[in-house]
C-alpha atoms as a PDB file:
ATOM      1  CA  MET A   1     170.631-130.199  13.732  1.00  0.00           C
ATOM      2  CA  ILE A   2     173.376-131.782  15.364  1.00  0.00           C
ATOM      3  CA  ILE A   3     175.310-129.466  17.783  1.00  0.00           C
ATOM      4  CA  PHE A   4     178.931-130.479  17.864  1.00  0.00           C
ATOM      5  CA  ARG A   5     180.244-127.803  20.508  1.00  0.00           C
ATOM      6  CA  THR A   6     178.589-127.439  23.994  1.00  0.00           C
ATOM      7  CA  PRO A   7     176.386-124.459  24.379  1.00  0.00           C
ATOM      8  CA  ALA A   8     177.909-121.840  26.558  1.00  0.00           C
ATOM      9  CA  PHE A   9     174.790-121.617  28.802  1.00  0.00           C
ATOM     10  CA  LEU A  10     175.672-125.249  30.241  1.00  0.00           C
ATOM     11  CA  ARG A  11     179.060-124.223  31.076  1.00  0.00           C
ATOM     12  CA  PHE A  12     177.738-121.166  32.894  1.00  0.00           C
ATOM     13  CA  PHE A  13     175.289-123.028  35.137  1.00  0.00           C
ATOM     14  CA  PHE A  14     177.976-126.001  35.673  1.00  0.00           C
ATOM     15  CA  PRO A  15     181.118-123.764  36.149  1.00  0.00           C
ATOM     16  CA  ASN A  16     182.721-126.387  38.572  1.00  0.00           C
ATOM     17  CA  LEU A  17     182.605-129.091  35.865  1.00  0.00           C
ATOM     18  CA  LEU A  18     185.603-129.163  33.466  1.00  0.00           C
ATOM     19  CA  TRP A  19     184.387-128.447  29.992  1.00  0.00           C
ATOM     20  CA  ARG A  20     187.759-127.169  28.541  1.00  0.00           C
ATOM     21  CA  VAL A  21     191.108-126.804  29.228  1.00  0.00           C
ATOM     22  CA  SER A  22     192.335-123.190  29.634  1.00  0.00           C
ATOM     23  CA  THR A  23     195.170-122.710  26.951  1.00  0.00           C
ATOM     24  CA  GLU A  24     195.931-120.846  24.012  1.00  0.00           C
ATOM     25  CA  ALA A  25     198.355-123.360  22.654  1.00  0.00           C
ATOM     26  CA  LYS A  26     197.586-125.720  19.880  1.00  0.00           C
ATOM     27  CA  GLU A  27     196.510-128.603  22.245  1.00  0.00           C
ATOM     28  CA  ILE A  28     193.340-131.170  22.144  1.00  0.00           C
ATOM     29  CA  TYR A  29     192.321-133.454  24.604  1.00  0.00           C
ATOM     30  CA  LEU A  30     190.998-136.435  23.185  1.00  0.00           C
ATOM     31  CA  THR A  31     188.710-138.814  25.239  1.00  0.00           C
ATOM     32  CA  PHE A  32     187.116-142.085  24.620  1.00  0.00           C
ATOM     33  CA  ASP A  33     184.089-143.195  26.454  1.00  0.00           C
ATOM     34  CA  ASP A  34     182.414-146.750  27.115  1.00  0.00           C
ATOM     35  CA  GLY A  35     185.428-149.126  26.714  1.00  0.00           C
ATOM     36  CA  PRO A  36     187.481-151.111  26.671  1.00  0.00           C
ATOM     37  CA  VAL A  37     185.721-153.031  23.940  1.00  0.00           C
ATOM     38  CA  PRO A  38     187.618-155.396  21.649  1.00  0.00           C
ATOM     39  CA  GLY A  39     187.983-154.075  18.302  1.00  0.00           C
ATOM     40  CA  PRO A  40     187.154-150.468  18.748  1.00  0.00           C
ATOM     41  CA  THR A  41     189.401-149.829  21.620  1.00  0.00           C
ATOM     42  CA  GLU A  42     192.373-151.904  19.863  1.00  0.00           C
ATOM     43  CA  PHE A  43     191.637-149.557  16.745  1.00  0.00           C
ATOM     44  CA  VAL A  44     191.882-146.568  18.853  1.00  0.00           C
ATOM     45  CA  LEU A  45     195.231-147.356  20.504  1.00  0.00           C
ATOM     46  CA  ASP A  46     196.770-148.233  17.173  1.00  0.00           C
ATOM     47  CA  GLN A  47     195.589-144.833  15.538  1.00  0.00           C
ATOM     48  CA  LEU A  48     196.826-142.900  18.684  1.00  0.00           C
ATOM     49  CA  ASN A  49     200.226-144.616  18.562  1.00  0.00           C
ATOM     50  CA  GLN A  50     200.593-143.389  14.729  1.00  0.00           C
ATOM     51  CA  PHE A  51     200.240-139.859  15.811  1.00  0.00           C
ATOM     52  CA  ASN A  52     202.303-140.202  19.028  1.00  0.00           C
ATOM     53  CA  ALA A  53     198.722-138.938  20.674  1.00  0.00           C
ATOM     54  CA  LYS A  54     197.810-139.188  24.185  1.00  0.00           C
ATOM     55  CA  ALA A  55     194.179-139.551  25.297  1.00  0.00           C
ATOM     56  CA  THR A  56     192.003-140.033  28.318  1.00  0.00           C
ATOM     57  CA  PHE A  57     189.923-143.127  28.160  1.00  0.00           C
ATOM     58  CA  PHE A  58     186.575-143.086  30.466  1.00  0.00           C
ATOM     59  CA  CYS A  59     186.178-146.690  31.149  1.00  0.00           C
ATOM     60  CA  ILE A  60     183.130-148.782  32.178  1.00  0.00           C
ATOM     61  CA  GLY A  61     184.014-150.746  35.171  1.00  0.00           C
ATOM     62  CA  ASP A  62     182.222-153.819  33.863  1.00  0.00           C
ATOM     63  CA  ASN A  63     184.185-153.755  30.609  1.00  0.00           C
ATOM     64  CA  ILE A  64     187.657-153.504  32.559  1.00  0.00           C
ATOM     65  CA  ARG A  65     186.254-156.565  34.339  1.00  0.00           C
ATOM     66  CA  LYS A  66     185.651-158.509  30.960  1.00  0.00           C
ATOM     67  CA  HIS A  67     188.596-157.276  29.006  1.00  0.00           C
ATOM     68  CA  PRO A  68     191.659-156.667  31.501  1.00  0.00           C
ATOM     69  CA  ALA A  69     194.096-157.504  28.875  1.00  0.00           C
ATOM     70  CA  ILE A  70     192.801-154.255  26.601  1.00  0.00           C
ATOM     71  CA  PHE A  71     192.573-152.082  29.840  1.00  0.00           C
ATOM     72  CA  SER A  72     196.224-152.891  30.656  1.00  0.00           C
ATOM     73  CA  TRP A  73     197.217-152.049  26.954  1.00  0.00           C
ATOM     74  CA  ILE A  74     195.601-148.673  27.530  1.00  0.00           C
ATOM     75  CA  VAL A  75     197.465-148.128  30.775  1.00  0.00           C
ATOM     76  CA  ASN A  76     200.844-149.237  29.256  1.00  0.00           C
ATOM     77  CA  GLU A  77     200.705-146.851  26.291  1.00  0.00           C
ATOM     78  CA  GLY A  78     200.660-144.057  28.770  1.00  0.00           C
ATOM     79  CA  HIS A  79     196.926-142.713  28.704  1.00  0.00           C
ATOM     80  CA  THR A  80     194.972-141.553  31.459  1.00  0.00           C
ATOM     81  CA  ILE A  81     192.192-143.677  33.022  1.00  0.00           C
ATOM     82  CA  GLY A  82     188.819-142.110  33.779  1.00  0.00           C
ATOM     83  CA  ASN A  83     185.765-143.614  35.588  1.00  0.00           C
ATOM     84  CA  HIS A  84     182.549-144.015  33.558  1.00  0.00           C
ATOM     85  CA  THR A  85     180.593-145.985  36.240  1.00  0.00           C
ATOM     86  CA  PHE A  86     180.549-149.749  36.565  1.00  0.00           C
ATOM     87  CA  HIS A  87     177.232-150.182  34.540  1.00  0.00           C
ATOM     88  CA  HIS A  88     176.968-146.771  32.292  1.00  0.00           C
ATOM     89  CA  LEU A  89     174.019-145.623  34.521  1.00  0.00           C
ATOM     90  CA  LYS A  90     172.274-142.493  33.787  1.00  0.00           C
ATOM     91  CA  GLY A  91     172.245-140.176  36.562  1.00  0.00           C
ATOM     92  CA  TRP A  92     168.866-138.802  35.935  1.00  0.00           C
ATOM     93  CA  GLY A  93     166.475-141.390  37.385  1.00  0.00           C
ATOM     94  CA  THR A  94     169.048-142.913  39.554  1.00  0.00           C
ATOM     95  CA  SER A  95     169.145-142.216  43.449  1.00  0.00           C
ATOM     96  CA  THR A  96     172.325-140.593  44.489  1.00  0.00           C
ATOM     97  CA  GLU A  97     173.187-143.668  46.884  1.00  0.00           C
ATOM     98  CA  LYS A  98     172.993-146.128  44.032  1.00  0.00           C
ATOM     99  CA  TYR A  99     174.779-143.862  41.480  1.00  0.00           C
ATOM    100  CA  VAL A 100     177.584-143.110  43.961  1.00  0.00           C
ATOM    101  CA  ALA A 101     178.069-146.768  44.833  1.00  0.00           C
ATOM    102  CA  ASN A 102     178.324-147.559  41.122  1.00  0.00           C
ATOM    103  CA  VAL A 103     180.836-144.996  40.382  1.00  0.00           C
ATOM    104  CA  GLU A 104     182.815-146.432  43.562  1.00  0.00           C
ATOM    105  CA  LEU A 105     182.381-150.109  42.189  1.00  0.00           C
ATOM    106  CA  CYS A 106     184.105-148.949  38.862  1.00  0.00           C
ATOM    107  CA  SER A 107     186.903-147.314  40.901  1.00  0.00           C
ATOM    108  CA  VAL A 108     187.622-150.671  42.591  1.00  0.00           C
ATOM    109  CA  GLU A 109     187.825-152.302  39.307  1.00  0.00           C
ATOM    110  CA  ILE A 110     190.361-149.608  38.108  1.00  0.00           C
ATOM    111  CA  TYR A 111     192.603-150.191  41.372  1.00  0.00           C
ATOM    112  CA  LYS A 112     192.267-153.820  40.994  1.00  0.00           C
ATOM    113  CA  GLN A 113     193.540-153.963  37.236  1.00  0.00           C
ATOM    114  CA  SER A 114     196.017-151.244  37.536  1.00  0.00           C
ATOM    115  CA  SER A 115     198.617-149.602  39.880  1.00  0.00           C
ATOM    116  CA  ILE A 116     198.494-146.362  37.930  1.00  0.00           C
ATOM    117  CA  ILE A 117     195.916-144.702  40.325  1.00  0.00           C
ATOM    118  CA  GLU A 118     197.140-146.290  43.512  1.00  0.00           C
ATOM    119  CA  SER A 119     200.549-144.135  43.046  1.00  0.00           C
ATOM    120  CA  LEU A 120     198.640-140.723  42.804  1.00  0.00           C
ATOM    121  CA  ALA A 121     199.386-138.176  45.288  1.00  0.00           C
ATOM    122  CA  THR A 122     196.305-137.785  47.756  1.00  0.00           C
ATOM    123  CA  ASP A 123     195.745-134.469  46.791  1.00  0.00           C
ATOM    124  CA  HIS A 124     194.952-135.302  43.152  1.00  0.00           C
ATOM    125  CA  GLN A 125     191.490-136.203  42.174  1.00  0.00           C
ATOM    126  CA  LEU A 126     190.315-139.360  39.947  1.00  0.00           C
ATOM    127  CA  LEU A 127     188.594-138.217  36.928  1.00  0.00           C
ATOM    128  CA  PHE A 128     184.965-138.931  36.338  1.00  0.00           C
ATOM    129  CA  ARG A 129     182.447-138.771  33.436  1.00  0.00           C
ATOM    130  CA  PRO A 130     178.630-139.127  33.594  1.00  0.00           C
ATOM    131  CA  PRO A 131     177.438-141.422  31.092  1.00  0.00           C
ATOM    132  CA  TYR A 132     175.281-139.670  28.608  1.00  0.00           C
ATOM    133  CA  GLY A 133     176.474-136.247  30.396  1.00  0.00           C
ATOM    134  CA  ARG A 134     173.436-136.721  32.808  1.00  0.00           C
ATOM    135  CA  ILE A 135     174.244-135.912  36.379  1.00  0.00           C
ATOM    136  CA  ARG A 136     172.116-134.234  38.970  1.00  0.00           C
ATOM    137  CA  SER A 137     173.462-131.709  41.384  1.00  0.00           C
ATOM    138  CA  LYS A 138     173.164-133.828  44.481  1.00  0.00           C
ATOM    139  CA  GLN A 139     175.333-136.556  42.624  1.00  0.00           C
ATOM    140  CA  ILE A 140     177.971-133.850  41.684  1.00  0.00           C
ATOM    141  CA  ASN A 141     178.064-132.638  45.246  1.00  0.00           C
ATOM    142  CA  ALA A 142     178.359-136.210  46.527  1.00  0.00           C
ATOM    143  CA  LEU A 143     181.360-136.955  44.179  1.00  0.00           C
ATOM    144  CA  ALA A 144     182.974-133.736  44.102  1.00  0.00           C
ATOM    145  CA  SER A 145     185.482-134.208  47.018  1.00  0.00           C
ATOM    146  CA  LYS A 146     187.129-137.334  45.278  1.00  0.00           C
ATOM    147  CA  TYR A 147     186.532-136.776  41.723  1.00  0.00           C
ATOM    148  CA  LYS A 148     187.169-133.900  39.044  1.00  0.00           C
ATOM    149  CA  ILE A 149     184.000-134.335  36.668  1.00  0.00           C
ATOM    150  CA  VAL A 150     184.630-133.950  33.246  1.00  0.00           C
ATOM    151  CA  MET A 151     182.404-133.018  30.459  1.00  0.00           C
ATOM    152  CA  TRP A 152     183.466-131.811  26.971  1.00  0.00           C
ATOM    153  CA  ASP A 153     183.689-128.904  24.743  1.00  0.00           C
ATOM    154  CA  VAL A 154     183.159-130.960  21.485  1.00  0.00           C
ATOM    155  CA  LEU A 155     180.814-134.157  21.135  1.00  0.00           C
ATOM    156  CA  THR A 156     181.556-135.917  17.744  1.00  0.00           C
ATOM    157  CA  SER A 157     178.226-137.806  17.968  1.00  0.00           C
ATOM    158  CA  ASP A 158     180.082-140.848  16.503  1.00  0.00           C
ATOM    159  CA  TYR A 159     177.265-142.995  18.069  1.00  0.00           C
ATOM    160  CA  ASN A 160     174.565-141.490  16.053  1.00  0.00           C
ATOM    161  CA  GLN A 161     174.235-144.079  13.469  1.00  0.00           C
ATOM    162  CA  SER A 162     171.933-141.703  11.268  1.00  0.00           C
ATOM    163  CA  LEU A 163     174.957-139.373  10.983  1.00  0.00           C
ATOM    164  CA  SER A 164     177.154-139.966   8.153  1.00  0.00           C
ATOM    165  CA  PRO A 165     180.782-140.667   8.764  1.00  0.00           C
ATOM    166  CA  GLU A 166     181.509-137.424   6.541  1.00  0.00           C
ATOM    167  CA  ASN A 167     179.227-135.187   8.445  1.00  0.00           C
ATOM    168  CA  CYS A 168     180.595-136.428  11.649  1.00  0.00           C
ATOM    169  CA  LEU A 169     184.118-135.653  10.805  1.00  0.00           C
ATOM    170  CA  ARG A 170     183.392-132.219   9.175  1.00  0.00           C
ATOM    171  CA  GLY A 171     181.251-130.962  12.135  1.00  0.00           C
ATOM    172  CA  SER A 172     184.047-132.215  14.727  1.00  0.00           C
ATOM    173  CA  LEU A 173     186.778-130.724  12.988  1.00  0.00           C
ATOM    174  CA  ARG A 174     184.841-127.123  12.901  1.00  0.00           C
ATOM    175  CA  ALA A 175     183.953-127.293  16.556  1.00  0.00           C
ATOM    176  CA  THR A 176     187.560-128.121  17.907  1.00  0.00           C
ATOM    177  CA  ARG A 177     189.704-125.408  19.058  1.00  0.00           C
ATOM    178  CA  PRO A 178     192.729-124.992  21.398  1.00  0.00           C
ATOM    179  CA  GLY A 179     191.953-126.638  24.779  1.00  0.00           C
ATOM    180  CA  SER A 180     188.852-128.552  23.539  1.00  0.00           C
ATOM    181  CA  ILE A 181     188.136-131.576  25.253  1.00  0.00           C
ATOM    182  CA  VAL A 182     186.752-133.768  22.392  1.00  0.00           C
ATOM    183  CA  VAL A 183     184.732-136.978  22.870  1.00  0.00           C
ATOM    184  CA  PHE A 184     184.781-140.091  20.842  1.00  0.00           C
ATOM    185  CA  HIS A 185     183.519-143.422  21.798  1.00  0.00           C
ATOM    186  CA  ASP A 186     185.359-146.677  21.564  1.00  0.00           C
ATOM    187  CA  SER A 187     182.176-148.810  21.477  1.00  0.00           C
ATOM    188  CA  LEU A 188     180.657-151.147  19.041  1.00  0.00           C
ATOM    189  CA  LYS A 189     177.731-148.584  18.441  1.00  0.00           C
ATOM    190  CA  ALA A 190     180.094-145.795  17.196  1.00  0.00           C
ATOM    191  CA  GLU A 191     182.561-147.994  15.375  1.00  0.00           C
ATOM    192  CA  LYS A 192     181.410-147.394  11.948  1.00  0.00           C
ATOM    193  CA  ASN A 193     181.883-143.436  12.366  1.00  0.00           C
ATOM    194  CA  LEU A 194     184.871-143.893  14.503  1.00  0.00           C
ATOM    195  CA  ARG A 195     187.047-145.889  11.964  1.00  0.00           C
ATOM    196  CA  TYR A 196     186.247-143.082   9.308  1.00  0.00           C
ATOM    197  CA  VAL A 197     186.525-140.145  11.672  1.00  0.00           C
ATOM    198  CA  LEU A 198     189.408-140.852  13.953  1.00  0.00           C
ATOM    199  CA  PRO A 199     192.263-141.259  11.623  1.00  0.00           C
ATOM    200  CA  ARG A 200     191.108-138.522   9.399  1.00  0.00           C
ATOM    201  CA  PHE A 201     190.504-136.109  12.691  1.00  0.00           C
ATOM    202  CA  LEU A 202     194.122-136.800  13.843  1.00  0.00           C
ATOM    203  CA  HIS A 203     195.830-136.266  10.513  1.00  0.00           C
ATOM    204  CA  GLU A 204     193.966-133.081   9.868  1.00  0.00           C
ATOM    205  CA  LYS A 205     194.659-131.376  13.330  1.00  0.00           C
ATOM    206  CA  ALA A 206     198.149-132.788  13.165  1.00  0.00           C
ATOM    207  CA  GLN A 207     198.532-131.007  10.012  1.00  0.00           C
ATOM    208  CA  GLN A 208     197.462-127.679  11.532  1.00  0.00           C
ATOM    209  CA  GLY A 209     200.095-128.127  14.118  1.00  0.00           C
ATOM    210  CA  PHE A 210     198.022-129.487  17.002  1.00  0.00           C
ATOM    211  CA  ILE A 211     199.336-131.923  19.526  1.00  0.00           C
ATOM    212  CA  PHE A 212     197.025-134.325  21.427  1.00  0.00           C
ATOM    213  CA  LYS A 213     197.486-134.575  25.104  1.00  0.00           C
ATOM    214  CA  SER A 214     195.840-136.604  27.848  1.00  0.00           C
ATOM    215  CA  LEU A 215     194.018-134.903  30.848  1.00  0.00           C
ATOM    216  CA  SER A 216     196.058-134.781  34.151  1.00  0.00           C
ATOM    217  CA  TYR A 217     194.433-136.287  37.331  1.00  0.00           C
ATOM    218  CA  SER A 218     195.184-133.040  38.759  1.00  0.00           C
ATOM    219  CA  VAL A 219     193.622-131.003  36.113  1.00  0.00           C
ATOM    220  CA  ALA A 220     191.331-128.343  37.449  1.00  0.00           C
ATOM    221  CA  SER A 221     191.301-125.418  35.134  1.00  0.00           C
ATOM    222  CA  HIS A 222     188.429-124.756  32.855  1.00  0.00           C
ATOM    223  CA  GLN A 223     187.331-122.254  30.517  1.00  0.00           C
ATOM    224  CA  PRO A 224     183.724-120.995  29.285  1.00  0.00           C
END
Protein backbone atom coordinates (compact mmCIF):
# COMPACT_ATOMS: atom_id res chain seq x y z
CA MET A 1 0.00 0.00 0.00
CA ILE A 2 1.29 3.44 -0.93
CA ILE A 3 1.22 5.99 1.89
CA PHE A 4 0.71 9.49 0.54
CA ARG A 5 0.76 11.41 3.84
CA THR A 6 3.87 11.38 5.99
CA PRO A 7 3.42 9.25 9.15
CA ALA A 8 3.21 11.28 12.34
CA PHE A 9 6.03 9.36 14.03
CA LEU A 10 8.57 10.73 11.55
CA ARG A 11 7.55 14.27 12.36
CA PHE A 12 7.81 13.40 16.06
CA PHE A 13 11.36 12.05 15.77
CA PHE A 14 12.57 14.92 13.55
CA PRO A 15 10.71 17.98 14.85
CA ASN A 16 13.31 20.47 13.63
CA LEU A 17 12.69 19.59 10.01
CA LEU A 18 9.90 21.34 8.16
CA TRP A 19 7.11 18.91 7.30
CA ARG A 20 4.12 21.21 7.00
CA VAL A 21 3.39 24.92 7.28
CA SER A 22 1.35 25.87 10.32
CA THR A 23 -1.83 27.44 8.96
CA GLU A 24 -5.56 26.89 8.91
CA ALA A 25 -5.88 28.90 5.70
CA LYS A 26 -6.54 27.12 2.42
CA GLU A 27 -2.92 27.22 1.32
CA ILE A 28 -0.91 24.47 -0.35
CA TYR A 29 2.86 24.50 -0.76
CA LEU A 30 3.74 22.69 -3.96
CA THR A 31 7.34 21.56 -4.33
CA PHE A 32 9.12 20.02 -7.32
CA ASP A 33 12.25 17.91 -6.99
CA ASP A 34 15.06 16.89 -9.35
CA GLY A 35 14.91 19.55 -12.06
CA PRO A 36 15.45 21.55 -14.06
CA VAL A 37 14.86 19.06 -16.88
CA PRO A 38 13.78 19.94 -20.45
CA GLY A 39 10.19 18.88 -20.96
CA PRO A 40 8.91 18.17 -17.44
CA THR A 41 10.06 21.45 -15.89
CA GLU A 42 8.70 23.51 -18.76
CA PHE A 43 5.36 21.67 -18.47
CA VAL A 44 5.24 22.42 -14.74
CA LEU A 45 5.94 26.11 -15.27
CA ASP A 46 3.18 26.37 -17.87
CA GLN A 47 0.68 24.67 -15.57
CA LEU A 48 1.58 26.81 -12.58
CA ASN A 49 1.22 29.95 -14.67
CA GLN A 50 -2.31 28.96 -15.71
CA PHE A 51 -3.38 28.82 -12.07
CA ASN A 52 -1.36 31.82 -10.87
CA ALA A 53 0.40 29.33 -8.60
CA LYS A 54 3.78 29.72 -6.95
CA ALA A 55 5.93 26.77 -5.95
CA THR A 56 9.33 25.78 -4.62
CA PHE A 57 11.80 23.98 -6.87
CA PHE A 58 14.41 21.82 -5.17
CA CYS A 59 16.99 21.74 -7.94
CA ILE A 60 19.89 19.40 -8.57
CA GLY A 61 23.04 21.44 -9.07
CA ASP A 62 24.23 19.47 -12.08
CA ASN A 63 20.87 20.00 -13.78
CA ILE A 64 21.12 23.73 -13.14
CA ARG A 65 24.56 23.64 -14.77
CA LYS A 66 23.26 21.73 -17.80
CA HIS A 67 20.01 23.70 -18.24
CA PRO A 68 20.62 27.29 -17.11
CA ALA A 69 17.91 28.78 -19.34
CA ILE A 70 15.20 26.65 -17.74
CA PHE A 71 16.56 27.47 -14.30
CA SER A 72 16.38 31.17 -15.14
CA TRP A 73 12.77 30.69 -16.23
CA ILE A 74 11.93 29.24 -12.80
CA VAL A 75 13.53 32.22 -11.09
CA ASN A 76 11.96 34.79 -13.41
CA GLU A 77 8.49 33.36 -12.74
CA GLY A 78 8.95 34.22 -9.06
CA HIS A 79 9.23 30.70 -7.68
CA THR A 80 11.44 29.81 -4.74
CA ILE A 81 14.66 27.88 -5.27
CA GLY A 82 15.84 25.10 -2.97
CA ASN A 83 19.00 23.00 -2.87
CA HIS A 84 18.73 19.25 -3.67
CA THR A 85 22.51 18.46 -3.69
CA PHE A 86 24.66 18.62 -6.80
CA HIS A 87 24.54 14.92 -7.68
CA HIS A 88 21.28 13.77 -6.03
CA LEU A 89 23.14 12.00 -3.25
CA LYS A 90 21.58 9.68 -0.69
CA GLY A 91 22.55 10.77 2.79
CA TRP A 92 22.51 7.19 3.98
CA GLY A 93 25.80 5.56 3.04
CA THR A 94 27.48 8.90 2.26
CA SER A 95 29.98 10.44 4.66
CA THR A 96 28.90 13.69 6.29
CA GLU A 97 31.92 15.49 4.84
CA LYS A 98 31.16 14.37 1.29
CA TYR A 99 27.45 15.07 1.69
CA VAL A 100 27.89 18.61 2.97
CA ALA A 101 30.44 19.34 0.24
CA ASN A 102 27.94 18.20 -2.40
CA VAL A 103 25.24 20.44 -0.91
CA GLU A 104 27.64 23.38 -0.97
CA LEU A 105 28.55 22.63 -4.58
CA CYS A 106 24.87 22.92 -5.48
CA SER A 107 24.63 26.26 -3.65
CA VAL A 108 27.62 27.54 -5.63
CA GLU A 109 25.79 26.66 -8.85
CA ILE A 110 22.62 28.40 -7.65
CA TYR A 111 24.59 31.56 -6.80
CA LYS A 112 26.40 31.40 -10.12
CA GLN A 113 23.21 31.21 -12.17
CA SER A 114 20.97 33.53 -10.19
CA SER A 115 21.09 36.64 -8.03
CA ILE A 116 17.89 35.69 -6.18
CA ILE A 117 19.69 34.14 -3.23
CA GLU A 118 22.50 36.70 -3.14
CA SER A 119 19.97 39.35 -2.15
CA LEU A 120 18.74 37.49 0.95
CA ALA A 121 19.26 38.94 4.38
CA THR A 122 21.95 37.12 6.34
CA ASP A 123 19.47 35.86 8.94
CA HIS A 124 17.54 33.90 6.33
CA GLN A 125 18.34 30.25 5.75
CA LEU A 126 18.54 28.63 2.36
CA LEU A 127 16.12 25.77 1.74
CA PHE A 128 17.42 22.24 1.40
CA ARG A 129 15.68 18.93 0.75
CA PRO A 130 17.60 15.66 1.03
CA PRO A 131 17.18 13.41 -2.02
CA TYR A 132 14.95 10.42 -1.22
CA GLY A 133 14.35 12.02 2.17
CA ARG A 134 17.40 10.09 3.38
CA ILE A 135 19.61 12.07 5.69
CA ARG A 136 21.48 11.15 8.86
CA SER A 137 21.43 13.09 12.13
CA LYS A 138 25.07 14.14 11.75
CA GLN A 139 24.29 15.56 8.32
CA ILE A 140 21.28 17.43 9.68
CA ASN A 141 23.44 18.94 12.41
CA ALA A 142 26.15 19.92 9.94
CA LEU A 143 23.67 21.74 7.68
CA ALA A 144 21.30 23.21 10.27
CA SER A 145 23.05 26.55 10.76
CA LYS A 146 22.89 27.48 7.09
CA TYR A 147 19.91 25.55 5.70
CA LYS A 148 16.29 25.01 6.60
CA ILE A 149 15.72 21.34 5.86
CA VAL A 150 12.36 20.81 4.18
CA MET A 151 10.65 17.43 4.06
CA TRP A 152 6.97 16.97 3.15
CA ASP A 153 3.46 16.30 4.35
CA VAL A 154 2.30 14.67 1.08
CA LEU A 155 4.39 12.56 -1.29
CA THR A 156 2.56 12.09 -4.58
CA SER A 157 4.75 9.12 -5.61
CA ASP A 158 4.53 10.39 -9.18
CA TYR A 159 7.91 8.75 -9.87
CA ASN A 160 6.43 5.29 -9.15
CA GLN A 161 5.89 3.85 -12.61
CA SER A 162 3.76 1.00 -11.27
CA LEU A 163 1.30 3.53 -9.84
CA SER A 164 -1.47 4.49 -12.26
CA PRO A 165 -2.01 8.20 -12.91
CA GLU A 166 -5.57 7.89 -11.59
CA ASN A 167 -4.46 6.39 -8.27
CA CYS A 168 -1.63 8.90 -8.00
CA LEU A 169 -4.14 11.74 -8.36
CA ARG A 170 -6.70 10.20 -6.02
CA GLY A 171 -4.22 9.55 -3.22
CA SER A 172 -2.58 12.95 -3.53
CA LEU A 173 -5.87 14.83 -3.40
CA ARG A 174 -7.10 12.90 -0.36
CA ALA A 175 -3.89 13.42 1.60
CA THR A 176 -3.55 17.17 0.99
CA ARG A 177 -4.81 19.56 3.67
CA PRO A 178 -4.24 23.21 4.63
CA GLY A 179 -0.54 23.87 5.00
CA SER A 180 0.53 20.68 3.21
CA ILE A 181 3.95 20.65 1.62
CA VAL A 182 3.34 18.46 -1.44
CA VAL A 183 6.11 16.78 -3.43
CA PHE A 184 6.01 16.35 -7.19
CA HIS A 185 9.02 15.61 -9.41
CA ASP A 186 9.86 17.50 -12.59
CA SER A 187 11.83 14.53 -13.90
CA LEU A 188 11.64 12.17 -16.85
CA LYS A 189 10.90 9.26 -14.54
CA ALA A 190 7.82 11.00 -13.13
CA GLU A 191 6.71 12.64 -16.37
CA LYS A 192 3.86 10.25 -17.24
CA ASN A 193 2.10 10.67 -13.90
CA LEU A 194 3.08 14.32 -13.61
CA ARG A 195 1.40 15.30 -16.89
CA TYR A 196 -1.83 13.62 -15.84
CA VAL A 197 -1.90 14.50 -12.16
CA LEU A 198 -0.61 18.07 -11.87
CA PRO A 199 -3.22 19.91 -13.98
CA ARG A 200 -6.05 17.93 -12.38
CA PHE A 201 -4.64 18.46 -8.90
CA LEU A 202 -4.36 22.20 -9.48
CA HIS A 203 -7.88 22.40 -10.91
CA GLU A 204 -9.50 20.39 -8.12
CA LYS A 205 -7.82 22.23 -5.28
CA ALA A 206 -8.42 25.61 -6.89
CA GLN A 207 -12.11 24.70 -7.17
CA GLN A 208 -12.05 23.97 -3.43
CA GLY A 209 -10.73 27.47 -2.78
CA PHE A 210 -7.07 26.67 -2.17
CA ILE A 211 -4.22 28.90 -3.27
CA PHE A 212 -0.72 27.67 -4.10
CA LYS A 213 2.21 29.37 -2.40
CA SER A 214 5.98 29.02 -2.45
CA LEU A 215 7.96 28.51 0.72
CA SER A 216 9.74 31.53 2.11
CA TYR A 217 13.49 31.37 2.61
CA SER A 218 12.85 32.37 6.21
CA VAL A 219 10.03 29.90 6.86
CA ALA A 220 10.57 28.19 10.16
CA SER A 221 7.14 27.14 11.42
CA HIS A 222 6.01 23.54 11.34
CA GLN A 223 3.04 21.54 12.46
CA PRO A 224 2.84 17.89 13.45
